[in-house]
Structure formats: structure tokens, C-alpha cells
Amino acid sequence: MGCLLAVFVLISPRLGMVAIWLLTDWEDRVFNSWVIPLLGIIFVPWTTVLYTIGYIVSGDTASPWGIMGLIIGVFLDMMSCCGLVETGPQQLAEEPARSIPRLGVDSNRPGSSPHLA
């Protein structure tokens, strides 16, 4: 069961939270109502799933596992919000290389050297 939940979380944190919600009682033990986990699935899925797993592993939010889960979850949510999680090596290779202009170099003359203006 744990490996199946880990696969769901790695595929998508939202899918993992739905699987945790439907297959376990972890959400009942971590949250007092269904509103907070639902908002977490919508807005901050990584933070919600890692908070839930950290709480279940340690039994307390203020433990090192709970705090580490929150920090990593917030970091992953910020990265996915900015689009950095989806950027893979193939997308980076497809972007055209931008030439950086060098100040003081006349690129039209062969053998030109930089000079101060």
C-alpha cells in the first residue's frame, strides 16, 4: 500500500492526495475537517501531501520530519508555480542561445580588441 501511494505521489501530488484521502484514514488523523486538505490539493499540493506524510511518520507537526516536509513542499510548490519543475533538459536545449553583446568590441573588424570608450 505504501509503495502504491508513493507512486501516486511521484506521478502527481494531487493524485497522491486523492489516493491518500480515499485509501487511508491519514487525512482524518492530520486535519480536523475536509476543507483544509481540499484547499491544499487545489492551491499547494506538494506542501499538503508532504505535511500529511511528515505528520503521519512522526506523529507531530513540530518534529523534524514535519518541518522538513513543509519546507520541501513549499519549495516544490514555488518551483511548480514558476514553471521550473516542468523545465527539463530537452526544453533547455531547444531554447535559442542569446548572444551577449560585448561592450567596446567592433565585431565587424577581424582581430578587433576591446577598447575603452
N, C-alpha and C. Protein backbone atom coordinates (compact mmCIF):
# COMPACT_ATOMS: atom_id res chain seq x y z
N MET A 1 0.82 -1.19 0.00
CA MET A 1 0.00 0.00 0.00
C MET A 1 0.87 1.26 0.00
N GLY A 2 1.94 1.25 0.77
CA GLY A 2 2.81 2.41 0.85
C GLY A 2 3.51 2.69 -0.47
N CYS A 3 3.94 1.64 -1.17
CA CYS A 3 4.60 1.83 -2.47
C CYS A 3 3.62 2.37 -3.50
N LEU A 4 2.38 1.91 -3.45
CA LEU A 4 1.36 2.40 -4.37
C LEU A 4 1.10 3.89 -4.13
N LEU A 5 1.03 4.30 -2.88
CA LEU A 5 0.83 5.72 -2.57
C LEU A 5 2.03 6.55 -3.00
N ALA A 6 3.24 6.00 -2.82
CA ALA A 6 4.45 6.72 -3.25
C ALA A 6 4.47 6.91 -4.76
N VAL A 7 4.04 5.91 -5.50
CA VAL A 7 3.98 6.03 -6.96
C VAL A 7 2.97 7.11 -7.35
N PHE A 8 1.81 7.12 -6.70
CA PHE A 8 0.81 8.14 -7.00
C PHE A 8 1.33 9.54 -6.68
N VAL A 9 2.03 9.69 -5.58
CA VAL A 9 2.57 11.00 -5.21
C VAL A 9 3.63 11.44 -6.20
N LEU A 10 4.47 10.52 -6.66
CA LEU A 10 5.52 10.88 -7.62
C LEU A 10 4.95 11.20 -9.00
N ILE A 11 3.86 10.55 -9.37
CA ILE A 11 3.21 10.87 -10.64
C ILE A 11 2.61 12.27 -10.58
N SER A 12 1.86 12.53 -9.52
CA SER A 12 1.23 13.83 -9.35
C SER A 12 0.86 13.98 -7.87
N PRO A 13 1.22 15.10 -7.25
CA PRO A 13 0.87 15.26 -5.83
C PRO A 13 -0.64 15.30 -5.61
N ARG A 14 -1.37 15.83 -6.58
CA ARG A 14 -2.83 15.86 -6.44
C ARG A 14 -3.41 14.45 -6.50
N LEU A 15 -2.90 13.63 -7.41
CA LEU A 15 -3.33 12.24 -7.50
C LEU A 15 -2.96 11.50 -6.22
N GLY A 16 -1.78 11.78 -5.69
CA GLY A 16 -1.37 11.15 -4.44
C GLY A 16 -2.25 11.54 -3.27
N MET A 17 -2.65 12.82 -3.20
CA MET A 17 -3.53 13.26 -2.11
C MET A 17 -4.91 12.63 -2.23
N VAL A 18 -5.41 12.52 -3.44
CA VAL A 18 -6.71 11.86 -3.63
C VAL A 18 -6.62 10.39 -3.23
N ALA A 19 -5.52 9.74 -3.60
CA ALA A 19 -5.33 8.33 -3.21
C ALA A 19 -5.21 8.20 -1.70
N ILE A 20 -4.46 9.11 -1.07
CA ILE A 20 -4.36 9.08 0.41
C ILE A 20 -5.72 9.29 1.04
N TRP A 21 -6.48 10.21 0.48
CA TRP A 21 -7.80 10.53 1.01
C TRP A 21 -8.75 9.34 0.89
N LEU A 22 -8.70 8.64 -0.25
CA LEU A 22 -9.65 7.55 -0.49
C LEU A 22 -9.20 6.22 0.12
N LEU A 23 -7.89 5.97 0.19
CA LEU A 23 -7.41 4.65 0.60
C LEU A 23 -6.97 4.56 2.06
N THR A 24 -6.74 5.69 2.72
CA THR A 24 -6.28 5.64 4.11
C THR A 24 -7.12 6.58 4.97
N ASP A 25 -6.86 6.54 6.26
CA ASP A 25 -7.52 7.46 7.18
C ASP A 25 -6.56 8.57 7.64
N TRP A 26 -5.49 8.78 6.89
CA TRP A 26 -4.48 9.76 7.29
C TRP A 26 -5.04 11.17 7.36
N GLU A 27 -5.89 11.53 6.42
CA GLU A 27 -6.44 12.89 6.42
C GLU A 27 -7.28 13.15 7.67
N ASP A 28 -7.99 12.13 8.14
CA ASP A 28 -8.78 12.29 9.38
C ASP A 28 -7.87 12.49 10.58
N ARG A 29 -6.71 11.84 10.59
CA ARG A 29 -5.80 11.98 11.71
C ARG A 29 -5.02 13.29 11.67
N VAL A 30 -4.78 13.83 10.46
CA VAL A 30 -3.95 15.03 10.34
C VAL A 30 -4.80 16.30 10.41
N PHE A 31 -5.90 16.33 9.70
CA PHE A 31 -6.73 17.54 9.62
C PHE A 31 -8.05 17.32 10.34
N ASN A 32 -8.62 18.41 10.86
CA ASN A 32 -9.88 18.31 11.59
C ASN A 32 -11.10 18.34 10.69
N SER A 33 -10.98 18.91 9.50
CA SER A 33 -12.11 18.96 8.58
C SER A 33 -11.62 18.65 7.17
N TRP A 34 -12.52 18.59 6.23
CA TRP A 34 -12.16 18.28 4.85
C TRP A 34 -11.84 19.54 4.05
N VAL A 35 -12.07 20.72 4.60
CA VAL A 35 -11.88 21.96 3.87
C VAL A 35 -10.39 22.24 3.63
N ILE A 36 -9.57 22.14 4.66
CA ILE A 36 -8.15 22.44 4.54
C ILE A 36 -7.44 21.51 3.55
N PRO A 37 -7.65 20.19 3.61
CA PRO A 37 -6.99 19.35 2.61
C PRO A 37 -7.49 19.61 1.19
N LEU A 38 -8.77 19.95 1.04
CA LEU A 38 -9.29 20.26 -0.29
C LEU A 38 -8.64 21.52 -0.85
N LEU A 39 -8.52 22.55 -0.03
CA LEU A 39 -7.83 23.77 -0.47
C LEU A 39 -6.35 23.49 -0.73
N GLY A 40 -5.76 22.61 0.06
CA GLY A 40 -4.37 22.24 -0.16
C GLY A 40 -4.16 21.50 -1.47
N ILE A 41 -5.09 20.63 -1.83
CA ILE A 41 -4.99 19.91 -3.10
C ILE A 41 -5.08 20.90 -4.25
N ILE A 42 -5.91 21.91 -4.12
CA ILE A 42 -6.11 22.87 -5.21
C ILE A 42 -4.93 23.83 -5.33
N PHE A 43 -4.49 24.42 -4.21
CA PHE A 43 -3.52 25.52 -4.28
C PHE A 43 -2.07 25.12 -4.00
N VAL A 44 -1.82 24.29 -3.01
CA VAL A 44 -0.44 23.90 -2.64
C VAL A 44 -0.36 22.39 -2.47
N PRO A 45 -0.38 21.63 -3.57
CA PRO A 45 -0.45 20.17 -3.44
C PRO A 45 0.79 19.53 -2.83
N TRP A 46 1.99 19.99 -3.19
CA TRP A 46 3.21 19.39 -2.62
C TRP A 46 3.29 19.63 -1.12
N THR A 47 2.97 20.85 -0.69
CA THR A 47 3.02 21.16 0.74
C THR A 47 2.01 20.30 1.50
N THR A 48 0.82 20.14 0.96
CA THR A 48 -0.21 19.36 1.64
C THR A 48 0.17 17.89 1.75
N VAL A 49 0.66 17.31 0.66
CA VAL A 49 1.00 15.89 0.71
C VAL A 49 2.21 15.64 1.60
N LEU A 50 3.22 16.49 1.55
CA LEU A 50 4.40 16.28 2.39
C LEU A 50 4.11 16.59 3.86
N TYR A 51 3.21 17.55 4.13
CA TYR A 51 2.78 17.81 5.51
C TYR A 51 2.07 16.58 6.06
N THR A 52 1.18 15.99 5.25
CA THR A 52 0.44 14.81 5.69
C THR A 52 1.39 13.65 5.97
N ILE A 53 2.31 13.39 5.06
CA ILE A 53 3.24 12.27 5.24
C ILE A 53 4.17 12.53 6.43
N GLY A 54 4.65 13.76 6.58
CA GLY A 54 5.51 14.09 7.71
C GLY A 54 4.80 13.96 9.04
N TYR A 55 3.54 14.34 9.08
CA TYR A 55 2.76 14.22 10.31
C TYR A 55 2.52 12.74 10.66
N ILE A 56 2.20 11.94 9.66
CA ILE A 56 1.94 10.52 9.91
C ILE A 56 3.22 9.80 10.33
N VAL A 57 4.34 10.13 9.72
CA VAL A 57 5.61 9.47 10.06
C VAL A 57 6.02 9.80 11.49
N SER A 58 5.88 11.08 11.88
CA SER A 58 6.39 11.49 13.18
C SER A 58 5.32 11.60 14.26
N GLY A 59 4.07 11.81 13.87
CA GLY A 59 3.00 11.96 14.85
C GLY A 59 2.86 13.37 15.37
N ASP A 60 3.66 14.30 14.88
CA ASP A 60 3.59 15.68 15.35
C ASP A 60 4.11 16.60 14.25
N THR A 61 3.50 17.75 14.12
CA THR A 61 3.91 18.70 13.09
C THR A 61 5.25 19.34 13.41
N ALA A 62 5.54 19.57 14.67
CA ALA A 62 6.75 20.30 15.06
C ALA A 62 7.99 19.41 15.09
N SER A 63 7.87 18.16 14.67
CA SER A 63 9.04 17.29 14.63
C SER A 63 9.90 17.64 13.41
N PRO A 64 11.14 17.19 13.38
CA PRO A 64 11.99 17.49 12.23
C PRO A 64 11.41 16.99 10.90
N TRP A 65 10.76 15.83 10.88
CA TRP A 65 10.18 15.32 9.64
C TRP A 65 9.04 16.21 9.17
N GLY A 66 8.21 16.69 10.10
CA GLY A 66 7.12 17.57 9.72
C GLY A 66 7.61 18.90 9.17
N ILE A 67 8.61 19.48 9.83
CA ILE A 67 9.15 20.76 9.38
C ILE A 67 9.88 20.59 8.05
N MET A 68 10.64 19.51 7.88
CA MET A 68 11.33 19.28 6.63
C MET A 68 10.33 19.06 5.50
N GLY A 69 9.24 18.36 5.77
CA GLY A 69 8.20 18.17 4.76
C GLY A 69 7.57 19.48 4.34
N LEU A 70 7.33 20.36 5.31
CA LEU A 70 6.77 21.68 4.98
C LEU A 70 7.73 22.50 4.13
N ILE A 71 8.99 22.52 4.49
CA ILE A 71 9.97 23.32 3.75
C ILE A 71 10.13 22.81 2.33
N ILE A 72 10.28 21.49 2.18
CA ILE A 72 10.43 20.92 0.84
C ILE A 72 9.15 21.11 0.03
N GLY A 73 7.98 20.96 0.68
CA GLY A 73 6.71 21.15 -0.01
C GLY A 73 6.53 22.57 -0.50
N VAL A 74 6.84 23.55 0.33
CA VAL A 74 6.73 24.95 -0.10
C VAL A 74 7.70 25.23 -1.24
N PHE A 75 8.91 24.70 -1.16
CA PHE A 75 9.90 24.87 -2.23
C PHE A 75 9.40 24.27 -3.55
N LEU A 76 8.86 23.05 -3.50
CA LEU A 76 8.35 22.41 -4.72
C LEU A 76 7.13 23.13 -5.27
N ASP A 77 6.26 23.63 -4.40
CA ASP A 77 5.11 24.39 -4.88
C ASP A 77 5.53 25.69 -5.55
N MET A 78 6.54 26.36 -4.98
CA MET A 78 7.02 27.59 -5.61
C MET A 78 7.67 27.28 -6.95
N MET A 79 8.42 26.18 -7.04
CA MET A 79 9.04 25.81 -8.31
C MET A 79 8.01 25.45 -9.35
N SER A 80 6.98 24.71 -8.97
CA SER A 80 5.96 24.34 -9.94
C SER A 80 5.11 25.54 -10.33
N CYS A 81 4.94 26.49 -9.43
CA CYS A 81 4.20 27.71 -9.75
C CYS A 81 4.98 28.56 -10.75
N CYS A 82 6.28 28.59 -10.63
CA CYS A 82 7.13 29.37 -11.53
C CYS A 82 7.43 28.62 -12.81
N GLY A 83 7.07 27.37 -12.91
CA GLY A 83 7.31 26.59 -14.11
C GLY A 83 8.67 25.96 -14.18
N LEU A 84 9.39 25.88 -13.07
CA LEU A 84 10.74 25.33 -13.09
C LEU A 84 10.76 23.81 -12.99
N VAL A 85 9.69 23.21 -12.51
CA VAL A 85 9.66 21.76 -12.37
C VAL A 85 9.51 21.09 -13.73
N GLU A 86 8.72 21.69 -14.63
CA GLU A 86 8.48 21.11 -15.94
C GLU A 86 9.64 21.31 -16.89
N THR A 87 10.54 22.24 -16.60
CA THR A 87 11.65 22.53 -17.49
C THR A 87 12.69 21.43 -17.39
N GLY A 88 12.78 20.66 -18.44
CA GLY A 88 13.73 19.56 -18.47
C GLY A 88 14.89 19.90 -19.39
N PRO A 89 15.84 18.99 -19.52
CA PRO A 89 17.00 19.25 -20.38
C PRO A 89 16.61 19.45 -21.84
N GLN A 90 15.55 18.75 -22.31
CA GLN A 90 15.18 18.91 -23.70
C GLN A 90 14.61 20.30 -23.97
N GLN A 91 13.89 20.89 -23.04
CA GLN A 91 13.38 22.25 -23.24
C GLN A 91 14.50 23.27 -23.16
N LEU A 92 15.47 23.03 -22.30
CA LEU A 92 16.59 23.96 -22.22
C LEU A 92 17.42 23.93 -23.49
N ALA A 93 17.55 22.75 -24.11
CA ALA A 93 18.34 22.64 -25.33
C ALA A 93 17.62 23.26 -26.52
N GLU A 94 16.28 23.33 -26.49
CA GLU A 94 15.51 23.88 -27.59
C GLU A 94 15.51 25.40 -27.61
N GLU A 95 15.79 26.04 -26.49
CA GLU A 95 15.80 27.49 -26.45
C GLU A 95 16.97 28.03 -27.25
N PRO A 96 16.73 29.06 -28.05
CA PRO A 96 17.84 29.61 -28.83
C PRO A 96 18.85 30.30 -27.92
N ALA A 97 20.09 30.17 -28.26
CA ALA A 97 21.14 30.81 -27.48
C ALA A 97 21.14 32.30 -27.80
N ARG A 98 21.15 33.11 -26.76
CA ARG A 98 21.19 34.55 -26.94
C ARG A 98 22.63 35.02 -26.89
N SER A 99 22.97 35.87 -27.83
CA SER A 99 24.33 36.40 -27.80
C SER A 99 24.36 37.60 -26.87
N ILE A 100 25.36 37.63 -26.04
CA ILE A 100 25.53 38.74 -25.10
C ILE A 100 26.44 39.76 -25.77
N PRO A 101 25.96 40.98 -25.95
CA PRO A 101 26.81 41.98 -26.61
C PRO A 101 28.00 42.32 -25.72
N ARG A 102 29.14 42.41 -26.33
CA ARG A 102 30.35 42.79 -25.60
C ARG A 102 30.60 44.25 -25.86
N LEU A 103 30.72 44.99 -24.81
CA LEU A 103 30.92 46.43 -24.93
C LEU A 103 32.33 46.74 -25.39
N GLY A 104 32.42 47.68 -26.29
CA GLY A 104 33.73 48.15 -26.72
C GLY A 104 34.42 47.28 -27.75
N VAL A 105 33.73 46.31 -28.33
CA VAL A 105 34.34 45.44 -29.32
C VAL A 105 33.63 45.67 -30.65
N ASP A 106 34.39 45.95 -31.67
CA ASP A 106 33.83 46.12 -33.00
C ASP A 106 33.82 44.75 -33.66
N SER A 107 32.65 44.16 -33.74
CA SER A 107 32.58 42.80 -34.24
C SER A 107 32.69 42.74 -35.75
N ASN A 108 32.66 43.88 -36.43
CA ASN A 108 32.76 43.88 -37.89
C ASN A 108 34.20 43.75 -38.36
N ARG A 109 35.16 44.17 -37.55
CA ARG A 109 36.57 44.09 -37.93
C ARG A 109 37.18 42.81 -37.42
N PRO A 110 37.87 42.08 -38.26
CA PRO A 110 38.56 40.87 -37.75
C PRO A 110 39.75 41.29 -36.89
N GLY A 111 39.92 40.58 -35.81
CA GLY A 111 41.03 40.83 -34.91
C GLY A 111 40.85 42.07 -34.06
N SER A 112 39.61 42.53 -33.92
CA SER A 112 39.38 43.73 -33.11
C SER A 112 39.55 43.38 -31.63
N SER A 113 39.97 44.35 -30.89
CA SER A 113 40.17 44.14 -29.46
C SER A 113 39.31 45.12 -28.68
N PRO A 114 38.97 44.80 -27.46
CA PRO A 114 38.14 45.70 -26.67
C PRO A 114 38.91 46.98 -26.35
N HIS A 115 38.18 48.06 -26.34
CA HIS A 115 38.78 49.35 -26.00
C HIS A 115 37.82 50.14 -25.12
N LEU A 116 38.37 51.04 -24.40
CA LEU A 116 37.56 51.87 -23.52
C LEU A 116 37.05 53.05 -24.30
N ALA A 117 35.78 53.36 -24.12
CA ALA A 117 35.18 54.50 -24.84
C ALA A 117 35.29 55.76 -24.04
